[in-house]
Protein backbone atom coordinates (compact mmCIF):
# COMPACT_ATOMS: atom_id res chain seq x y z
CA UNK A 1 41.36 110.29 -17.27
CA UNK A 2 41.04 106.56 -18.08
CA UNK A 3 44.81 106.23 -17.74
CA UNK A 4 44.65 107.82 -14.25
CA UNK A 5 41.93 105.41 -13.18
CA UNK A 6 43.81 102.44 -14.62
CA UNK A 7 46.93 103.44 -12.71
CA UNK A 8 44.94 103.71 -9.46
CA UNK A 9 43.36 100.36 -10.17
CA UNK A 10 46.74 98.79 -10.75
CA UNK A 11 48.10 100.30 -7.57
CA UNK A 12 45.16 98.94 -5.54
CA UNK A 13 45.48 95.54 -7.13
CA UNK A 14 49.16 95.42 -6.23
CA UNK A 15 48.44 96.38 -2.63
CA UNK A 16 45.71 93.72 -2.35
CA UNK A 17 47.92 91.06 -3.97
CA UNK A 18 50.72 91.86 -1.49
CA UNK A 19 48.26 91.56 1.42
CA UNK A 20 47.24 88.19 0.14
CA UNK A 21 50.85 87.01 -0.20
CA UNK A 22 51.61 88.14 3.33
CA UNK A 23 48.69 86.22 4.79
CA UNK A 24 49.45 83.08 2.69
CA UNK A 25 53.17 83.01 3.30
CA UNK A 26 53.39 84.06 6.95
CA UNK A 27 49.90 83.25 8.45
CA UNK A 28 48.26 80.36 6.63
CA UNK A 29 51.31 78.27 5.62
CA UNK A 30 53.51 79.30 8.56
CA UNK A 31 56.54 77.92 6.77
CA UNK A 32 58.41 81.25 6.83
CA UNK A 33 58.89 82.25 10.47
CA UNK A 34 60.84 85.48 9.73
CA UNK A 35 57.64 87.37 10.47
CA UNK A 36 55.08 86.53 13.10
CA UNK A 37 51.52 85.84 11.94
CA UNK A 38 50.32 88.81 14.01
CA UNK A 39 52.82 91.19 12.39
CA UNK A 40 51.99 89.78 8.93
CA UNK A 41 48.28 90.39 9.47
CA UNK A 42 49.00 93.98 10.66
CA UNK A 43 51.10 94.68 7.57
CA UNK A 44 48.48 92.97 5.30
CA UNK A 45 45.80 95.21 6.93
CA UNK A 46 47.95 98.26 6.09
CA UNK A 47 48.18 97.19 2.44
CA UNK A 48 44.42 96.69 2.30
CA UNK A 49 43.85 100.05 4.00
CA UNK A 50 46.09 101.80 1.47
CA UNK A 51 44.29 100.05 -1.39
CA UNK A 52 40.93 101.09 -0.02
CA UNK A 53 41.99 104.68 0.61
CA UNK A 54 41.54 104.41 4.42
CA UNK A 55 42.76 107.70 5.92
CA UNK A 56 44.30 105.77 8.78
CA UNK A 57 47.08 104.74 6.38
CA UNK A 58 47.68 108.14 4.69
CA UNK A 59 51.11 108.36 6.38
CA UNK A 60 52.38 105.42 4.36
CA UNK A 61 54.71 106.52 1.61
CA UNK A 62 53.22 105.19 -1.67
CA UNK A 63 56.64 104.48 -3.31
CA UNK A 64 57.74 102.50 -0.25
CA UNK A 65 54.50 100.50 -0.29
CA UNK A 66 54.94 99.79 -3.98
CA UNK A 67 58.52 98.77 -3.47
CA UNK A 68 57.62 96.43 -0.56
CA UNK A 69 54.71 94.94 -2.50
CA UNK A 70 57.09 94.03 -5.40
CA UNK A 71 59.66 92.61 -2.95
CA UNK A 72 56.98 90.44 -1.39
CA UNK A 73 55.65 89.15 -4.73
CA UNK A 74 59.23 88.44 -5.88
CA UNK A 75 60.26 87.11 -2.48
CA UNK A 76 63.29 89.43 -2.76
CA UNK A 77 64.28 90.42 0.78
CA UNK A 78 61.19 92.27 1.86
CA UNK A 79 62.71 92.69 5.30
CA UNK A 80 64.95 95.39 3.80
CA UNK A 81 61.96 97.72 3.47
CA UNK A 82 61.36 100.54 5.97
CA UNK A 83 57.75 99.32 6.14
CA UNK A 84 58.79 95.89 7.36
CA UNK A 85 57.81 95.33 10.99
CA UNK A 86 60.70 95.94 13.35
CA UNK A 87 62.61 98.15 10.82
CA UNK A 88 62.79 101.85 11.48
């Protein structure tokens, strides 16, 4: 049971860290213009909603969210994710 809680905590921490990176990189610093500040805030809100278990974000595929979070943290072409704004 402790392992399950630890995994959930890690998942939540990753989602929150990705939200912070989005806001820092695309909203606060505004040096990367490949994503608008509004779209970055919306995606960051989604990461926070997933981390907090908000049912509004239940449709988000967990594996895709994890993959995008890792891409954001590594700055490794996050725009290739299906979750990236404008990608369908």
